[in-house]
PDB file of N, CA and C in Angstrom:
ATOM      1  N   MET A   1      28.623  35.809  28.607  1.00  0.00           N
ATOM      2  CA  MET A   1      28.991  35.680  27.206  1.00  0.00           C
ATOM      3  C   MET A   1      30.357  35.009  27.110  1.00  0.00           C
ATOM      4  N   ILE A   2      30.455  34.042  26.232  1.00  0.00           N
ATOM      5  CA  ILE A   2      31.707  33.342  25.993  1.00  0.00           C
ATOM      6  C   ILE A   2      32.455  34.065  24.882  1.00  0.00           C
ATOM      7  N   PHE A   3      33.738  34.274  25.075  1.00  0.00           N
ATOM      8  CA  PHE A   3      34.554  34.904  24.049  1.00  0.00           C
ATOM      9  C   PHE A   3      35.245  33.830  23.225  1.00  0.00           C
ATOM     10  N   TYR A   4      35.217  33.981  21.916  1.00  0.00           N
ATOM     11  CA  TYR A   4      35.805  33.013  21.005  1.00  0.00           C
ATOM     12  C   TYR A   4      36.996  33.616  20.288  1.00  0.00           C
ATOM     13  N   ASP A   5      38.046  32.838  20.137  1.00  0.00           N
ATOM     14  CA  ASP A   5      39.201  33.228  19.346  1.00  0.00           C
ATOM     15  C   ASP A   5      38.883  32.864  17.897  1.00  0.00           C
ATOM     16  N   MET A   6      38.719  33.879  17.058  1.00  0.00           N
ATOM     17  CA  MET A   6      38.311  33.643  15.674  1.00  0.00           C
ATOM     18  C   MET A   6      39.375  32.873  14.892  1.00  0.00           C
ATOM     19  N   ASP A   7      40.641  33.053  15.241  1.00  0.00           N
ATOM     20  CA  ASP A   7      41.697  32.305  14.559  1.00  0.00           C
ATOM     21  C   ASP A   7      41.569  30.808  14.819  1.00  0.00           C
ATOM     22  N   SER A   8      41.369  30.431  16.072  1.00  0.00           N
ATOM     23  CA  SER A   8      41.241  29.010  16.388  1.00  0.00           C
ATOM     24  C   SER A   8      39.919  28.449  15.868  1.00  0.00           C
ATOM     25  N   LEU A   9      38.870  29.262  15.873  1.00  0.00           N
ATOM     26  CA  LEU A   9      37.592  28.814  15.336  1.00  0.00           C
ATOM     27  C   LEU A   9      37.685  28.600  13.824  1.00  0.00           C
ATOM     28  N   ALA A  10      38.403  29.489  13.131  1.00  0.00           N
ATOM     29  CA  ALA A  10      38.609  29.323  11.690  1.00  0.00           C
ATOM     30  C   ALA A  10      39.416  28.059  11.418  1.00  0.00           C
ATOM     31  N   GLN A  11      40.428  27.806  12.229  1.00  0.00           N
ATOM     32  CA  GLN A  11      41.238  26.600  12.070  1.00  0.00           C
ATOM     33  C   GLN A  11      40.393  25.356  12.316  1.00  0.00           C
ATOM     34  N   LYS A  12      39.523  25.414  13.308  1.00  0.00           N
ATOM     35  CA  LYS A  12      38.639  24.291  13.615  1.00  0.00           C
ATOM     36  C   LYS A  12      37.674  24.022  12.458  1.00  0.00           C
ATOM     37  N   GLN A  13      37.262  25.087  11.768  1.00  0.00           N
ATOM     38  CA  GLN A  13      36.359  24.965  10.622  1.00  0.00           C
ATOM     39  C   GLN A  13      37.104  24.545   9.359  1.00  0.00           C
ATOM     40  N   GLY A  14      38.437  24.625   9.396  1.00  0.00           N
ATOM     41  CA  GLY A  14      39.230  24.218   8.250  1.00  0.00           C
ATOM     42  C   GLY A  14      39.364  25.280   7.171  1.00  0.00           C
ATOM     43  N   ILE A  15      39.255  26.551   7.567  1.00  0.00           N
ATOM     44  CA  ILE A  15      39.424  27.644   6.612  1.00  0.00           C
ATOM     45  C   ILE A  15      40.539  28.554   7.100  1.00  0.00           C
ATOM     46  N   ASN A  16      41.104  29.338   6.204  1.00  0.00           N
ATOM     47  CA  ASN A  16      42.196  30.218   6.592  1.00  0.00           C
ATOM     48  C   ASN A  16      41.823  31.685   6.499  1.00  0.00           C
ATOM     49  N   ASN A  17      40.547  31.991   6.421  1.00  0.00           N
ATOM     50  CA  ASN A  17      40.089  33.369   6.279  1.00  0.00           C
ATOM     51  C   ASN A  17      39.105  33.680   7.412  1.00  0.00           C
ATOM     52  N   LYS A  18      39.609  34.330   8.468  1.00  0.00           N
ATOM     53  CA  LYS A  18      38.744  34.608   9.620  1.00  0.00           C
ATOM     54  C   LYS A  18      37.690  35.668   9.312  1.00  0.00           C
ATOM     55  N   TYR A  19      37.930  36.485   8.293  1.00  0.00           N
ATOM     56  CA  TYR A  19      36.943  37.502   7.920  1.00  0.00           C
ATOM     57  C   TYR A  19      35.734  36.855   7.250  1.00  0.00           C
ATOM     58  N   LEU A  20      35.982  35.840   6.456  1.00  0.00           N
ATOM     59  CA  LEU A  20      34.893  35.076   5.853  1.00  0.00           C
ATOM     60  C   LEU A  20      34.097  34.353   6.936  1.00  0.00           C
ATOM     61  N   LEU A  21      34.787  33.815   7.911  1.00  0.00           N
ATOM     62  CA  LEU A  21      34.122  33.156   9.032  1.00  0.00           C
ATOM     63  C   LEU A  21      33.270  34.147   9.819  1.00  0.00           C
ATOM     64  N   THR A  22      33.791  35.340  10.039  1.00  0.00           N
ATOM     65  CA  THR A  22      33.045  36.373  10.757  1.00  0.00           C
ATOM     66  C   THR A  22      31.758  36.730  10.021  1.00  0.00           C
ATOM     67  N   ALA A  23      31.845  36.851   8.703  1.00  0.00           N
ATOM     68  CA  ALA A  23      30.652  37.154   7.903  1.00  0.00           C
ATOM     69  C   ALA A  23      29.652  36.002   7.968  1.00  0.00           C
ATOM     70  N   ALA A  24      30.147  34.767   7.961  1.00  0.00           N
ATOM     71  CA  ALA A  24      29.258  33.602   8.039  1.00  0.00           C
ATOM     72  C   ALA A  24      28.562  33.533   9.399  1.00  0.00           C
ATOM     73  N   VAL A  25      29.287  33.815  10.465  1.00  0.00           N
ATOM     74  CA  VAL A  25      28.695  33.817  11.807  1.00  0.00           C
ATOM     75  C   VAL A  25      27.632  34.912  11.909  1.00  0.00           C
ATOM     76  N   ALA A  26      27.922  36.081  11.364  1.00  0.00           N
ATOM     77  CA  ALA A  26      26.952  37.181  11.390  1.00  0.00           C
ATOM     78  C   ALA A  26      25.705  36.817  10.595  1.00  0.00           C
ATOM     79  N   ALA A  27      25.884  36.165   9.447  1.00  0.00           N
ATOM     80  CA  ALA A  27      24.738  35.746   8.633  1.00  0.00           C
ATOM     81  C   ALA A  27      23.896  34.708   9.375  1.00  0.00           C
ATOM     82  N   ARG A  28      24.562  33.778  10.083  1.00  0.00           N
ATOM     83  CA  ARG A  28      23.838  32.762  10.856  1.00  0.00           C
ATOM     84  C   ARG A  28      23.059  33.415  11.996  1.00  0.00           C
ATOM     85  N   ALA A  29      23.673  34.384  12.673  1.00  0.00           N
ATOM     86  CA  ALA A  29      22.994  35.088  13.764  1.00  0.00           C
ATOM     87  C   ALA A  29      21.774  35.839  13.237  1.00  0.00           C
ATOM     88  N   ARG A  30      21.925  36.455  12.067  1.00  0.00           N
ATOM     89  CA  ARG A  30      20.796  37.161  11.447  1.00  0.00           C
ATOM     90  C   ARG A  30      19.678  36.190  11.103  1.00  0.00           C
ATOM     91  N   ALA A  31      20.042  35.032  10.561  1.00  0.00           N
ATOM     92  CA  ALA A  31      19.040  34.029  10.208  1.00  0.00           C
ATOM     93  C   ALA A  31      18.309  33.527  11.462  1.00  0.00           C
ATOM     94  N   LEU A  32      19.048  33.337  12.541  1.00  0.00           N
ATOM     95  CA  LEU A  32      18.417  32.914  13.798  1.00  0.00           C
ATOM     96  C   LEU A  32      17.435  33.962  14.303  1.00  0.00           C
ATOM     97  N   SER A  33      17.807  35.225  14.198  1.00  0.00           N
ATOM     98  CA  SER A  33      16.947  36.296  14.712  1.00  0.00           C
ATOM     99  C   SER A  33      15.696  36.479  13.867  1.00  0.00           C
ATOM    100  N   GLU A  34      15.757  36.085  12.599  1.00  0.00           N
ATOM    101  CA  GLU A  34      14.617  36.273  11.702  1.00  0.00           C
ATOM    102  C   GLU A  34      13.665  35.085  11.664  1.00  0.00           C
ATOM    103  N   GLN A  35      14.014  34.000  12.344  1.00  0.00           N
ATOM    104  CA  GLN A  35      13.126  32.841  12.361  1.00  0.00           C
ATOM    105  C   GLN A  35      11.868  33.170  13.152  1.00  0.00           C
ATOM    106  N   LYS A  36      10.731  32.898  12.554  1.00  0.00           N
ATOM    107  CA  LYS A  36       9.466  33.184  13.222  1.00  0.00           C
ATOM    108  C   LYS A  36       9.303  32.282  14.437  1.00  0.00           C
ATOM    109  N   GLY A  37       8.873  32.874  15.521  1.00  0.00           N
ATOM    110  CA  GLY A  37       8.628  32.126  16.742  1.00  0.00           C
ATOM    111  C   GLY A  37       9.886  31.788  17.513  1.00  0.00           C
ATOM    112  N   ARG A  38      11.035  32.198  17.019  1.00  0.00           N
ATOM    113  CA  ARG A  38      12.312  31.894  17.686  1.00  0.00           C
ATOM    114  C   ARG A  38      12.525  32.887  18.818  1.00  0.00           C
ATOM    115  N   THR A  39      12.828  32.389  19.987  1.00  0.00           N
ATOM    116  CA  THR A  39      13.171  33.245  21.112  1.00  0.00           C
ATOM    117  C   THR A  39      14.529  32.823  21.645  1.00  0.00           C
ATOM    118  N   LEU A  40      15.147  33.701  22.360  1.00  0.00           N
ATOM    119  CA  LEU A  40      16.432  33.390  22.961  1.00  0.00           C
ATOM    120  C   LEU A  40      16.238  32.429  24.118  1.00  0.00           C
ATOM    121  N   ASP A  41      17.293  31.667  24.416  1.00  0.00           N
ATOM    122  CA  ASP A  41      17.242  30.748  25.543  1.00  0.00           C
ATOM    123  C   ASP A  41      17.023  31.518  26.838  1.00  0.00           C
ATOM    124  N   GLU A  42      16.662  30.795  27.873  1.00  0.00           N
ATOM    125  CA  GLU A  42      16.360  31.433  29.150  1.00  0.00           C
ATOM    126  C   GLU A  42      17.559  32.156  29.752  1.00  0.00           C
ATOM    127  N   ASP A  43      18.765  31.760  29.379  1.00  0.00           N
ATOM    128  CA  ASP A  43      19.940  32.407  29.964  1.00  0.00           C
ATOM    129  C   ASP A  43      20.319  33.689  29.223  1.00  0.00           C
ATOM    130  N   ASN A  44      19.406  34.205  28.396  1.00  0.00           N
ATOM    131  CA  ASN A  44      19.559  35.485  27.705  1.00  0.00           C
ATOM    132  C   ASN A  44      20.777  35.558  26.789  1.00  0.00           C
ATOM    133  N   GLU A  45      21.103  34.457  26.152  1.00  0.00           N
ATOM    134  CA  GLU A  45      22.200  34.467  25.183  1.00  0.00           C
ATOM    135  C   GLU A  45      21.784  35.297  23.976  1.00  0.00           C
ATOM    136  N   LYS A  46      22.709  36.015  23.417  1.00  0.00           N
ATOM    137  CA  LYS A  46      22.463  36.780  22.200  1.00  0.00           C
ATOM    138  C   LYS A  46      22.523  35.828  21.009  1.00  0.00           C
ATOM    139  N   PHE A  47      21.905  36.217  19.910  1.00  0.00           N
ATOM    140  CA  PHE A  47      21.925  35.381  18.719  1.00  0.00           C
ATOM    141  C   PHE A  47      23.347  35.168  18.216  1.00  0.00           C
ATOM    142  N   ILE A  48      24.203  36.177  18.351  1.00  0.00           N
ATOM    143  CA  ILE A  48      25.580  36.047  17.900  1.00  0.00           C
ATOM    144  C   ILE A  48      26.311  34.995  18.733  1.00  0.00           C
ATOM    145  N   SER A  49      26.025  34.932  20.035  1.00  0.00           N
ATOM    146  CA  SER A  49      26.636  33.921  20.892  1.00  0.00           C
ATOM    147  C   SER A  49      26.164  32.525  20.505  1.00  0.00           C
ATOM    148  N   THR A  50      24.890  32.414  20.187  1.00  0.00           N
ATOM    149  CA  THR A  50      24.343  31.136  19.761  1.00  0.00           C
ATOM    150  C   THR A  50      24.984  30.689  18.451  1.00  0.00           C
ATOM    151  N   ALA A  51      25.134  31.614  17.514  1.00  0.00           N
ATOM    152  CA  ALA A  51      25.749  31.293  16.231  1.00  0.00           C
ATOM    153  C   ALA A  51      27.207  30.865  16.413  1.00  0.00           C
ATOM    154  N   LEU A  52      27.955  31.586  17.239  1.00  0.00           N
ATOM    155  CA  LEU A  52      29.351  31.223  17.508  1.00  0.00           C
ATOM    156  C   LEU A  52      29.448  29.841  18.133  1.00  0.00           C
ATOM    157  N   GLN A  53      28.548  29.550  19.053  1.00  0.00           N
ATOM    158  CA  GLN A  53      28.557  28.243  19.702  1.00  0.00           C
ATOM    159  C   GLN A  53      28.251  27.136  18.697  1.00  0.00           C
ATOM    160  N   GLU A  54      27.323  27.375  17.779  1.00  0.00           N
ATOM    161  CA  GLU A  54      27.007  26.381  16.752  1.00  0.00           C
ATOM    162  C   GLU A  54      28.218  26.095  15.870  1.00  0.00           C
ATOM    163  N   PHE A  55      28.941  27.133  15.481  1.00  0.00           N
ATOM    164  CA  PHE A  55      30.154  26.941  14.677  1.00  0.00           C
ATOM    165  C   PHE A  55      31.218  26.211  15.484  1.00  0.00           C
ATOM    166  N   ASP A  56      31.351  26.553  16.758  1.00  0.00           N
ATOM    167  CA  ASP A  56      32.365  25.933  17.600  1.00  0.00           C
ATOM    168  C   ASP A  56      32.085  24.448  17.815  1.00  0.00           C
ATOM    169  N   LEU A  57      30.830  24.092  17.996  1.00  0.00           N
ATOM    170  CA  LEU A  57      30.464  22.695  18.222  1.00  0.00           C
ATOM    171  C   LEU A  57      30.400  21.886  16.935  1.00  0.00           C
ATOM    172  N   GLY A  58      30.489  22.568  15.799  1.00  0.00           N
ATOM    173  CA  GLY A  58      30.424  21.868  14.517  1.00  0.00           C
ATOM    174  C   GLY A  58      29.007  21.612  14.038  1.00  0.00           C
ATOM    175  N   ALA A  59      28.014  22.198  14.713  1.00  0.00           N
ATOM    176  CA  ALA A  59      26.625  22.029  14.292  1.00  0.00           C
ATOM    177  C   ALA A  59      26.368  22.746  12.972  1.00  0.00           C
ATOM    178  N   VAL A  60      27.146  23.797  12.707  1.00  0.00           N
ATOM    179  CA  VAL A  60      27.068  24.547  11.455  1.00  0.00           C
ATOM    180  C   VAL A  60      28.469  24.572  10.869  1.00  0.00           C
ATOM    181  N   ARG A  61      28.575  24.239   9.593  1.00  0.00           N
ATOM    182  CA  ARG A  61      29.873  24.220   8.917  1.00  0.00           C
ATOM    183  C   ARG A  61      29.852  25.202   7.763  1.00  0.00           C
ATOM    184  N   LEU A  62      30.986  25.820   7.521  1.00  0.00           N
ATOM    185  CA  LEU A  62      31.143  26.749   6.410  1.00  0.00           C
ATOM    186  C   LEU A  62      31.676  25.976   5.221  1.00  0.00           C
ATOM    187  N   SER A  63      30.962  26.031   4.105  1.00  0.00           N
ATOM    188  CA  SER A  63      31.365  25.329   2.888  1.00  0.00           C
ATOM    189  C   SER A  63      31.952  26.337   1.916  1.00  0.00           C
ATOM    190  N   LEU A  64      33.121  26.028   1.385  1.00  0.00           N
ATOM    191  CA  LEU A  64      33.805  26.948   0.482  1.00  0.00           C
ATOM    192  C   LEU A  64      33.829  26.417  -0.940  1.00  0.00           C
ATOM    193  N   GLU A  65      32.788  25.756  -1.363  1.00  0.00           N
ATOM    194  CA  GLU A  65      32.724  25.219  -2.718  1.00  0.00           C
ATOM    195  C   GLU A  65      32.509  26.354  -3.701  1.00  0.00           C
ATOM    196  N   GLN A  66      33.166  26.240  -4.866  1.00  0.00           N
ATOM    197  CA  GLN A  66      33.011  27.241  -5.913  1.00  0.00           C
ATOM    198  C   GLN A  66      32.262  26.625  -7.082  1.00  0.00           C
ATOM    199  N   GLU A  67      31.454  27.463  -7.733  1.00  0.00           N
ATOM    200  CA  GLU A  67      30.757  27.012  -8.926  1.00  0.00           C
ATOM    201  C   GLU A  67      31.733  27.051 -10.100  1.00  0.00           C
ATOM    202  N   SER A  68      31.671  26.040 -10.937  1.00  0.00           N
ATOM    203  CA  SER A  68      32.563  26.025 -12.079  1.00  0.00           C
ATOM    204  C   SER A  68      31.825  26.560 -13.305  1.00  0.00           C
ATOM    205  N   ALA A  69      32.574  27.220 -14.183  1.00  0.00           N
ATOM    206  CA  ALA A  69      32.010  27.774 -15.414  1.00  0.00           C
ATOM    207  C   ALA A  69      31.808  26.651 -16.420  1.00  0.00           C
ATOM    208  N   PRO A  70      30.817  26.773 -17.296  1.00  0.00           N
ATOM    209  CA  PRO A  70      30.614  25.732 -18.305  1.00  0.00           C
ATOM    210  C   PRO A  70      31.828  25.671 -19.233  1.00  0.00           C
ATOM    211  N   GLU A  71      32.257  24.454 -19.546  1.00  0.00           N
ATOM    212  CA  GLU A  71      33.456  24.268 -20.342  1.00  0.00           C
ATOM    213  C   GLU A  71      33.190  24.195 -21.851  1.00  0.00           C
ATOM    214  N   ASN A  72      31.953  24.042 -22.227  1.00  0.00           N
ATOM    215  CA  ASN A  72      31.658  23.848 -23.645  1.00  0.00           C
ATOM    216  C   ASN A  72      31.348  25.148 -24.380  1.00  0.00           C
ATOM    217  N   GLY A  73      31.527  26.290 -23.763  1.00  0.00           N
ATOM    218  CA  GLY A  73      31.320  27.559 -24.413  1.00  0.00           C
ATOM    219  C   GLY A  73      29.845  27.864 -24.661  1.00  0.00           C
ATOM    220  N   ALA A  74      28.978  27.451 -23.762  1.00  0.00           N
ATOM    221  CA  ALA A  74      27.545  27.643 -23.923  1.00  0.00           C
ATOM    222  C   ALA A  74      27.116  29.073 -23.625  1.00  0.00           C
ATOM    223  N   ASP A  75      28.053  29.971 -23.381  1.00  0.00           N
ATOM    224  CA  ASP A  75      27.735  31.348 -23.046  1.00  0.00           C
ATOM    225  C   ASP A  75      27.177  32.111 -24.258  1.00  0.00           C
ATOM    226  N   SER A  76      27.562  31.763 -25.471  1.00  0.00           N
ATOM    227  CA  SER A  76      27.185  32.550 -26.632  1.00  0.00           C
ATOM    228  C   SER A  76      25.837  32.214 -27.187  1.00  0.00           C
TER     229      SER A  76
END
């Protein structure tokens, strides 16, 4: 198992919140484990290790876009 420094991984992803990154990695690992027909590689890597590696290599990026509220007051 490869150990990752979450601070440097967060910096590599361009975010300043390592807790948000941790939640995103956990969500990716969960998604990998729930894919039908998905099995672990022959070297017995855990899904969390696979998810961390994907984030480290840039194969998966965390997007921090926010939805904007309607400006014309269409709520009423």
